[in-house]
C-alpha atoms as a PDB file:
ATOM      1  CA  MET A   1      12.110  10.584 -35.106  1.00  0.00           C
ATOM      2  CA  THR A   2       8.621   9.010 -34.940  1.00  0.00           C
ATOM      3  CA  ARG A   3      10.117   5.594 -34.250  1.00  0.00           C
ATOM      4  CA  LEU A   4      12.135   7.003 -31.365  1.00  0.00           C
ATOM      5  CA  LEU A   5       9.046   8.668 -29.869  1.00  0.00           C
ATOM      6  CA  LEU A   6       7.048   5.430 -30.154  1.00  0.00           C
ATOM      7  CA  ILE A   7       9.807   3.409 -28.507  1.00  0.00           C
ATOM      8  CA  SER A   8      10.162   6.024 -25.742  1.00  0.00           C
ATOM      9  CA  GLY A   9       6.416   6.075 -25.132  1.00  0.00           C
ATOM     10  CA  GLY A  10       6.291   2.276 -25.108  1.00  0.00           C
ATOM     11  CA  THR A  11       9.152   2.083 -22.648  1.00  0.00           C
ATOM     12  CA  ILE A  12       7.557   4.632 -20.306  1.00  0.00           C
ATOM     13  CA  SER A  13       4.234   2.812 -20.540  1.00  0.00           C
ATOM     14  CA  LEU A  14       5.878  -0.535 -19.833  1.00  0.00           C
ATOM     15  CA  VAL A  15       7.702   0.866 -16.795  1.00  0.00           C
ATOM     16  CA  LEU A  16       4.427   2.303 -15.463  1.00  0.00           C
ATOM     17  CA  GLY A  17       2.747  -1.059 -16.078  1.00  0.00           C
ATOM     18  CA  ILE A  18       5.440  -2.927 -14.169  1.00  0.00           C
ATOM     19  CA  ILE A  19       5.229  -0.411 -11.323  1.00  0.00           C
ATOM     20  CA  GLY A  20       1.464  -0.999 -11.372  1.00  0.00           C
ATOM     21  CA  ILE A  21       2.059  -4.639 -10.441  1.00  0.00           C
ATOM     22  CA  PHE A  22       3.278  -3.464  -7.044  1.00  0.00           C
ATOM     23  CA  ILE A  23       1.132  -0.339  -6.557  1.00  0.00           C
ATOM     24  CA  PRO A  24      -2.583  -1.180  -6.536  1.00  0.00           C
ATOM     25  CA  VAL A  25      -3.751   2.282  -7.646  1.00  0.00           C
ATOM     26  CA  LEU A  26      -1.794   2.167 -10.910  1.00  0.00           C
ATOM     27  CA  PRO A  27      -3.421  -0.093 -13.543  1.00  0.00           C
ATOM     28  CA  THR A  28      -1.064  -2.649 -15.068  1.00  0.00           C
ATOM     29  CA  THR A  29      -2.911  -4.149 -18.031  1.00  0.00           C
ATOM     30  CA  PRO A  30      -3.718  -0.895 -19.901  1.00  0.00           C
ATOM     31  CA  PHE A  31      -0.088   0.247 -19.680  1.00  0.00           C
ATOM     32  CA  VAL A  32       1.254  -3.118 -20.884  1.00  0.00           C
ATOM     33  CA  LEU A  33      -1.263  -3.148 -23.755  1.00  0.00           C
ATOM     34  CA  LEU A  34      -0.319   0.427 -24.662  1.00  0.00           C
ATOM     35  CA  SER A  35       3.371  -0.439 -24.685  1.00  0.00           C
ATOM     36  CA  ALA A  36       2.696  -3.440 -26.944  1.00  0.00           C
ATOM     37  CA  GLY A  37       0.705  -1.215 -29.294  1.00  0.00           C
ATOM     38  CA  LEU A  38       3.487   1.359 -29.446  1.00  0.00           C
ATOM     39  CA  PHE A  39       6.172  -1.295 -29.917  1.00  0.00           C
ATOM     40  CA  VAL A  40       4.283  -3.061 -32.701  1.00  0.00           C
ATOM     41  CA  LYS A  41       4.533   0.150 -34.739  1.00  0.00           C
ATOM     42  CA  SER A  42       8.166   0.856 -33.919  1.00  0.00           C
ATOM     43  CA  SER A  43      10.113  -2.264 -32.950  1.00  0.00           C
ATOM     44  CA  PRO A  44       8.954  -5.835 -33.635  1.00  0.00           C
ATOM     45  CA  ALA A  45      11.711  -7.169 -31.355  1.00  0.00           C
ATOM     46  CA  LEU A  46      10.477  -5.138 -28.365  1.00  0.00           C
ATOM     47  CA  TYR A  47       6.883  -6.067 -29.190  1.00  0.00           C
ATOM     48  CA  ASN A  48       7.757  -9.765 -29.127  1.00  0.00           C
ATOM     49  CA  LYS A  49       9.551  -9.326 -25.787  1.00  0.00           C
ATOM     50  CA  VAL A  50       6.460  -7.716 -24.255  1.00  0.00           C
ATOM     51  CA  VAL A  51       4.067 -10.297 -25.705  1.00  0.00           C
ATOM     52  CA  THR A  52       6.149 -13.331 -24.772  1.00  0.00           C
ATOM     53  CA  GLY A  53       7.825 -11.979 -21.629  1.00  0.00           C
ATOM     54  CA  ARG A  54       7.610 -13.952 -18.416  1.00  0.00           C
ATOM     55  CA  ILE A  55       5.991 -11.078 -16.499  1.00  0.00           C
ATOM     56  CA  THR A  56       4.089  -9.211 -19.208  1.00  0.00           C
ATOM     57  CA  SER A  57       2.595 -12.073 -21.239  1.00  0.00           C
ATOM     58  CA  ARG A  58      -0.067 -12.791 -18.618  1.00  0.00           C
ATOM     59  CA  TYR A  59      -1.454  -9.274 -19.157  1.00  0.00           C
ATOM     60  CA  MET A  60      -1.936  -9.951 -22.869  1.00  0.00           C
ATOM     61  CA  THR A  61      -4.826 -12.419 -22.526  1.00  0.00           C
ATOM     62  CA  PRO A  62      -8.574 -11.895 -22.980  1.00  0.00           C
ATOM     63  CA  GLU A  63      -9.058 -12.394 -19.233  1.00  0.00           C
ATOM     64  CA  ALA A  64      -6.720  -9.480 -18.537  1.00  0.00           C
ATOM     65  CA  GLY A  65      -8.721  -7.368 -20.970  1.00  0.00           C
ATOM     66  CA  ARG A  66     -11.931  -8.266 -19.161  1.00  0.00           C
ATOM     67  CA  ARG A  67     -10.378  -7.354 -15.803  1.00  0.00           C
ATOM     68  CA  SER A  68      -9.334  -4.018 -17.296  1.00  0.00           C
ATOM     69  CA  GLY A  69     -12.872  -3.491 -18.549  1.00  0.00           C
ATOM     70  CA  ILE A  70     -14.364  -4.161 -15.133  1.00  0.00           C
ATOM     71  CA  THR A  71     -11.830  -1.851 -13.506  1.00  0.00           C
ATOM     72  CA  ALA A  72     -12.557   0.866 -16.075  1.00  0.00           C
ATOM     73  CA  LEU A  73     -16.307   0.576 -15.460  1.00  0.00           C
ATOM     74  CA  VAL A  74     -15.921   0.710 -11.680  1.00  0.00           C
ATOM     75  CA  ILE A  75     -13.653   3.761 -11.839  1.00  0.00           C
ATOM     76  CA  MET A  76     -15.873   5.519 -14.394  1.00  0.00           C
ATOM     77  CA  TRP A  77     -19.080   5.008 -12.413  1.00  0.00           C
ATOM     78  CA  SER A  78     -17.389   5.897  -9.126  1.00  0.00           C
ATOM     79  CA  MET A  79     -16.357   9.237 -10.591  1.00  0.00           C
ATOM     80  CA  ILE A  80     -19.813   9.799 -12.121  1.00  0.00           C
ATOM     81  CA  ILE A  81     -21.532   9.104  -8.797  1.00  0.00           C
ATOM     82  CA  LEU A  82     -19.121  11.322  -6.853  1.00  0.00           C
ATOM     83  CA  THR A  83     -19.556  14.110  -9.397  1.00  0.00           C
ATOM     84  CA  ALA A  84     -23.350  13.744  -9.287  1.00  0.00           C
ATOM     85  CA  ILE A  85     -23.377  13.931  -5.482  1.00  0.00           C
ATOM     86  CA  PHE A  86     -20.821  16.668  -4.828  1.00  0.00           C
ATOM     87  CA  VAL A  87     -20.627  18.830  -7.961  1.00  0.00           C
ATOM     88  CA  VAL A  88     -23.792  18.780 -10.067  1.00  0.00           C
ATOM     89  CA  ASN A  89     -26.512  21.225  -9.036  1.00  0.00           C
ATOM     90  CA  SER A  90     -28.876  21.205 -12.001  1.00  0.00           C
ATOM     91  CA  THR A  91     -31.130  18.433 -13.243  1.00  0.00           C
ATOM     92  CA  TRP A  92     -30.201  18.764 -16.920  1.00  0.00           C
ATOM     93  CA  LEU A  93     -26.501  18.429 -16.077  1.00  0.00           C
ATOM     94  CA  LEU A  94     -27.213  15.321 -14.000  1.00  0.00           C
ATOM     95  CA  ILE A  95     -29.169  13.798 -16.892  1.00  0.00           C
ATOM     96  CA  LEU A  96     -26.357  14.653 -19.309  1.00  0.00           C
ATOM     97  CA  LEU A  97     -23.811  13.078 -16.967  1.00  0.00           C
ATOM     98  CA  LEU A  98     -25.863   9.872 -16.710  1.00  0.00           C
ATOM     99  CA  VAL A  99     -26.358   9.688 -20.486  1.00  0.00           C
ATOM    100  CA  ILE A 100     -22.631  10.089 -21.054  1.00  0.00           C
ATOM    101  CA  GLY A 101     -21.988   7.410 -18.417  1.00  0.00           C
ATOM    102  CA  ALA A 102     -24.452   5.037 -20.092  1.00  0.00           C
ATOM    103  CA  THR A 103     -22.821   5.671 -23.464  1.00  0.00           C
ATOM    104  CA  GLY A 104     -19.388   4.996 -21.986  1.00  0.00           C
ATOM    105  CA  THR A 105     -20.696   1.806 -20.390  1.00  0.00           C
ATOM    106  CA  VAL A 106     -22.078   0.530 -23.689  1.00  0.00           C
ATOM    107  CA  PHE A 107     -18.779   1.290 -25.418  1.00  0.00           C
ATOM    108  CA  LYS A 108     -16.703  -0.414 -22.711  1.00  0.00           C
ATOM    109  CA  ILE A 109     -18.930  -3.493 -22.683  1.00  0.00           C
ATOM    110  CA  ARG A 110     -18.738  -3.790 -26.461  1.00  0.00           C
ATOM    111  CA  TYR A 111     -14.986  -3.223 -26.459  1.00  0.00           C
ATOM    112  CA  PHE A 112     -13.785  -5.239 -23.470  1.00  0.00           C
ATOM    113  CA  PHE A 113     -16.300  -8.071 -23.447  1.00  0.00           C
ATOM    114  CA  SER A 114     -16.784  -8.737 -27.164  1.00  0.00           C
ATOM    115  CA  LYS A 115     -16.224 -12.290 -28.383  1.00  0.00           C
ATOM    116  CA  LYS A 116     -14.454 -10.843 -31.443  1.00  0.00           C
ATOM    117  CA  HIS A 117     -11.313 -10.051 -29.459  1.00  0.00           C
ATOM    118  CA  LYS A 118      -8.885 -12.925 -29.566  1.00  0.00           C
ATOM    119  CA  GLN A 119      -5.862 -13.608 -27.422  1.00  0.00           C
ATOM    120  CA  ILE A 120      -3.016 -11.271 -28.304  1.00  0.00           C
ATOM    121  CA  THR A 121      -0.143 -13.523 -27.276  1.00  0.00           C
ATOM    122  CA  GLY A 122       2.210 -15.102 -29.749  1.00  0.00           C
ATOM    123  CA  ILE A 123       4.967 -13.946 -32.041  1.00  0.00           C
ATOM    124  CA  HIS A 124       3.684 -11.870 -34.947  1.00  0.00           C
END
């Protein structure tokens, strides 16, 4: 049952990732990475197809991860700024929002731009 759920989730994520190639609002790389992560736990054959596929393999590189990190930071700070301008009325809430944003930024920089992350491609 768990294997079936993982394969279903990976398939849905992969479809969303492929749709994201054509629709600029939908992010491609996070969905392809998620599908690879779900397939690695459930089906090595599907994982290898995602990692070595003609379309999907280019989203499994460190450069793609960095692009995802930049996109995540831009979206996160856009939402923080919009929330600060249009929603927040009190100073303490604004400070809390900025502290949470700074914490998220540190996490994303450490995660997406770390030299420890190697290229994911290849048959495992």
